[in-house]
Amino acid sequence: MPKNQFQRMVFAFITVVITVHAYVFFSLYVVHGSLFKEITGESGVLAAINKMGGVPVFGKPIPIWAVILIEFALAYTLEVLLGSPLSFKLACKSFNIETTHPVLFETAIICATVGIMCPAMSFIAAILYFNYQGGFNIWTLLAEWLKLICFNFPFAFFTQLFFIQPFVRTVFKLLFAKDIKNRNADKKVAAA
């Protein structure tokens, strides 16, 4: 749907803003929430995080807002440099953009993006949130990475396919309605 570099950057920005918030919530509450409550003895995840002084990143507690900023910077960079370009190329290898229905082609792009970004961001998360106080072990890091992929992939697939990307595409269409209308008019003129 985005046709130029500026539109691609805006599309990636909207996607990553929503996605990072969803994943930080998912990671803190669903994946690690029980561990945080067990460590601190608190009954709620937020109370446990506050008691720990924040979320442990590289072994040091930092506030949740800092976690969101760090993950946003990493995810946006990865999405712009790797995720979007590769997912489009993968979709083009499987489908002809000119003859494939747009919904099917967009679904292929979403699936390819999840297939690229989920393992990449899970690896980054495994490094960021590794228990460095217990000592570093590459095999433990790899096991953590695989565990995170197993947790994150189903969440990523279903949220991106059914919630996040439809919402982002709707917002994108509202932001660039005039450009999209002009592009569609140009296509009709060219077809006639």
Protein backbone atom coordinates (compact mmCIF):
# COMPACT_ATOMS: atom_id res chain seq x y z
CA MET A 1 0.00 0.00 0.00
CA PRO A 2 2.73 2.60 0.76
CA LYS A 3 4.16 3.78 -2.55
CA ASN A 4 7.14 5.97 -1.59
CA GLN A 5 9.82 5.99 1.09
CA PHE A 6 8.05 8.58 3.26
CA GLN A 7 4.83 6.53 3.23
CA ARG A 8 6.78 3.37 4.06
CA MET A 9 8.40 5.11 7.03
CA VAL A 10 5.01 6.37 8.27
CA PHE A 11 3.44 2.94 7.81
CA ALA A 12 6.31 1.30 9.73
CA PHE A 13 6.10 3.97 12.44
CA ILE A 14 2.39 3.40 13.06
CA THR A 15 2.87 -0.38 13.00
CA VAL A 16 5.78 -0.34 15.42
CA VAL A 17 4.13 2.10 17.87
CA ILE A 18 1.15 -0.23 18.23
CA THR A 19 3.15 -3.45 18.11
CA VAL A 20 5.74 -2.46 20.71
CA HIS A 21 3.07 -1.52 23.24
CA ALA A 22 1.27 -4.82 22.62
CA TYR A 23 4.46 -6.86 22.95
CA VAL A 24 5.74 -5.09 26.05
CA PHE A 25 2.39 -5.74 27.70
CA PHE A 26 2.37 -9.35 26.48
CA SER A 27 5.96 -9.94 27.57
CA LEU A 28 5.63 -8.37 31.00
CA TYR A 29 2.22 -9.71 31.92
CA VAL A 30 1.85 -13.01 30.09
CA VAL A 31 5.39 -14.34 29.54
CA HIS A 32 7.20 -13.01 32.63
CA GLY A 33 4.37 -11.90 34.94
CA SER A 34 4.29 -15.05 37.06
CA LEU A 35 8.07 -14.97 37.50
CA PHE A 36 8.03 -11.33 38.59
CA LYS A 37 5.25 -12.04 41.12
CA GLU A 38 7.09 -15.12 42.41
CA ILE A 39 10.39 -13.23 42.84
CA THR A 40 8.83 -10.31 44.71
CA GLY A 41 5.91 -11.98 46.48
CA GLU A 42 3.53 -9.36 45.09
CA SER A 43 0.04 -10.30 43.91
CA GLY A 44 0.09 -8.07 40.81
CA VAL A 45 2.56 -7.79 37.95
CA LEU A 46 2.79 -3.99 38.04
CA ALA A 47 3.36 -4.04 41.80
CA ALA A 48 6.07 -6.68 41.29
CA ILE A 49 7.79 -4.58 38.60
CA ASN A 50 7.65 -1.51 40.84
CA LYS A 51 9.08 -3.49 43.76
CA MET A 52 11.96 -4.67 41.54
CA GLY A 53 12.66 -1.05 40.62
CA GLY A 54 11.64 -1.61 37.01
CA VAL A 55 12.13 -4.19 34.29
CA PRO A 56 15.55 -5.85 34.27
CA VAL A 57 17.38 -4.90 31.03
CA PHE A 58 21.00 -6.07 30.80
CA GLY A 59 20.60 -6.96 34.47
CA LYS A 60 19.70 -3.41 35.58
CA PRO A 61 16.13 -2.35 36.41
CA ILE A 62 14.72 0.39 34.17
CA PRO A 63 11.21 1.91 34.02
CA ILE A 64 8.62 0.46 31.67
CA TRP A 65 8.57 3.65 29.56
CA ALA A 66 12.31 3.19 28.92
CA VAL A 67 11.69 -0.42 27.85
CA ILE A 68 9.09 0.82 25.37
CA LEU A 69 11.51 3.44 23.96
CA ILE A 70 14.35 0.91 23.64
CA GLU A 71 12.15 -1.68 21.97
CA PHE A 72 10.59 0.96 19.70
CA ALA A 73 14.01 2.15 18.48
CA LEU A 74 15.20 -1.40 17.84
CA ALA A 75 11.95 -2.61 16.24
CA TYR A 76 11.56 0.46 14.02
CA THR A 77 15.13 0.21 12.79
CA LEU A 78 14.77 -3.51 12.13
CA GLU A 79 11.40 -3.07 10.42
CA VAL A 80 12.61 -0.32 8.09
CA LEU A 81 15.94 -1.91 7.22
CA LEU A 82 15.02 -5.60 7.16
CA GLY A 83 11.38 -6.49 7.86
CA SER A 84 9.52 -4.43 5.26
CA PRO A 85 11.92 -4.85 2.32
CA LEU A 86 12.41 -8.59 2.83
CA SER A 87 8.75 -9.35 3.45
CA PHE A 88 7.77 -7.57 0.23
CA LYS A 89 10.43 -9.49 -1.72
CA LEU A 90 9.27 -12.80 -0.21
CA ALA A 91 5.64 -12.06 -1.07
CA CYS A 92 6.66 -11.13 -4.63
CA LYS A 93 8.48 -14.46 -4.99
CA SER A 94 5.28 -16.35 -4.20
CA PHE A 95 2.68 -14.06 -5.78
CA ASN A 96 2.46 -11.76 -8.78
CA ILE A 97 1.57 -8.32 -7.45
CA GLU A 98 -0.30 -7.43 -10.65
CA THR A 99 -2.57 -10.50 -10.77
CA THR A 100 -2.97 -11.42 -7.09
CA HIS A 101 -5.93 -10.05 -5.16
CA PRO A 102 -4.68 -7.23 -2.88
CA VAL A 103 -5.99 -8.88 0.30
CA LEU A 104 -4.10 -12.08 -0.47
CA PHE A 105 -0.93 -10.17 -1.33
CA GLU A 106 -1.17 -8.06 1.86
CA THR A 107 -1.72 -11.25 3.88
CA ALA A 108 1.43 -12.74 2.34
CA ILE A 109 3.37 -9.62 3.31
CA ILE A 110 2.04 -9.76 6.88
CA CYS A 111 2.94 -13.44 7.23
CA ALA A 112 6.43 -12.84 5.83
CA THR A 113 6.94 -9.88 8.15
CA VAL A 114 5.95 -11.94 11.18
CA GLY A 115 8.27 -14.73 9.99
CA ILE A 116 11.17 -12.26 9.84
CA MET A 117 10.47 -9.91 12.74
CA CYS A 118 9.35 -12.41 15.38
CA PRO A 119 12.60 -14.41 15.53
CA ALA A 120 14.70 -11.24 15.17
CA MET A 121 12.94 -9.29 17.93
CA SER A 122 12.75 -12.40 20.12
CA PHE A 123 16.53 -12.71 19.85
CA ILE A 124 16.97 -9.06 20.78
CA ALA A 125 14.59 -9.54 23.72
CA ALA A 126 16.50 -12.65 24.83
CA ILE A 127 19.69 -10.56 24.93
CA LEU A 128 18.06 -7.55 26.64
CA TYR A 129 16.23 -9.51 29.32
CA PHE A 130 18.78 -12.28 29.93
CA ASN A 131 19.48 -13.01 33.62
CA TYR A 132 23.03 -11.68 33.64
CA GLN A 133 23.32 -11.94 37.45
CA GLY A 134 23.23 -15.72 37.10
CA GLY A 135 26.17 -15.67 34.67
CA PHE A 136 26.13 -15.72 30.89
CA ASN A 137 25.74 -18.99 29.00
CA ILE A 138 25.22 -19.06 25.23
CA TRP A 139 23.10 -22.22 25.42
CA THR A 140 20.81 -20.65 27.99
CA LEU A 141 20.49 -17.58 25.77
CA LEU A 142 19.58 -19.74 22.76
CA ALA A 143 17.07 -21.70 24.84
CA GLU A 144 15.53 -18.41 26.03
CA TRP A 145 15.39 -17.23 22.41
CA LEU A 146 13.54 -20.38 21.29
CA LYS A 147 11.17 -20.09 24.25
CA LEU A 148 10.40 -16.49 23.34
CA ILE A 149 9.77 -17.44 19.71
CA CYS A 150 7.32 -20.11 20.88
CA PHE A 151 5.49 -17.57 23.04
CA ASN A 152 5.67 -14.65 20.61
CA PHE A 153 5.00 -16.26 17.24
CA PRO A 154 1.32 -17.20 17.76
CA PHE A 155 0.68 -13.84 19.42
CA ALA A 156 2.49 -12.00 16.61
CA PHE A 157 0.76 -13.91 13.84
CA PHE A 158 -2.80 -13.48 15.09
CA THR A 159 -2.49 -9.89 16.35
CA GLN A 160 -0.76 -8.69 13.18
CA LEU A 161 -3.07 -10.53 10.81
CA PHE A 162 -6.41 -9.79 12.48
CA PHE A 163 -5.97 -6.64 14.57
CA ILE A 164 -2.83 -4.54 14.17
CA GLN A 165 -2.39 -4.52 10.38
CA PRO A 166 -6.09 -3.95 9.56
CA PHE A 167 -6.07 -1.03 12.02
CA VAL A 168 -2.78 0.36 10.65
CA ARG A 169 -4.05 0.10 7.08
CA THR A 170 -7.23 1.97 8.05
CA VAL A 171 -5.23 4.76 9.72
CA PHE A 172 -2.86 4.85 6.75
CA LYS A 173 -5.77 5.19 4.32
CA LEU A 174 -7.13 8.09 6.37
CA LEU A 175 -3.75 9.85 6.48
CA PHE A 176 -3.02 9.42 2.77
CA ALA A 177 -6.59 9.45 1.40
CA LYS A 178 -5.88 12.16 -1.16
CA ASP A 179 -2.75 10.41 -2.47
CA ILE A 180 -4.54 7.05 -2.66
CA LYS A 181 -7.50 8.65 -4.48
CA ASN A 182 -5.14 10.27 -7.01
CA ARG A 183 -3.25 7.01 -7.51
CA ASN A 184 -6.51 5.10 -8.13
CA ALA A 185 -7.66 7.78 -10.59
CA ASP A 186 -4.34 7.51 -12.45
CA LYS A 187 -4.80 3.73 -12.68
CA LYS A 188 -8.30 4.15 -14.14
CA VAL A 189 -7.01 6.63 -16.71
CA ALA A 190 -4.15 4.32 -17.65
CA ALA A 191 -6.52 1.36 -17.96
CA ALA A 192 -8.91 3.25 -20.25
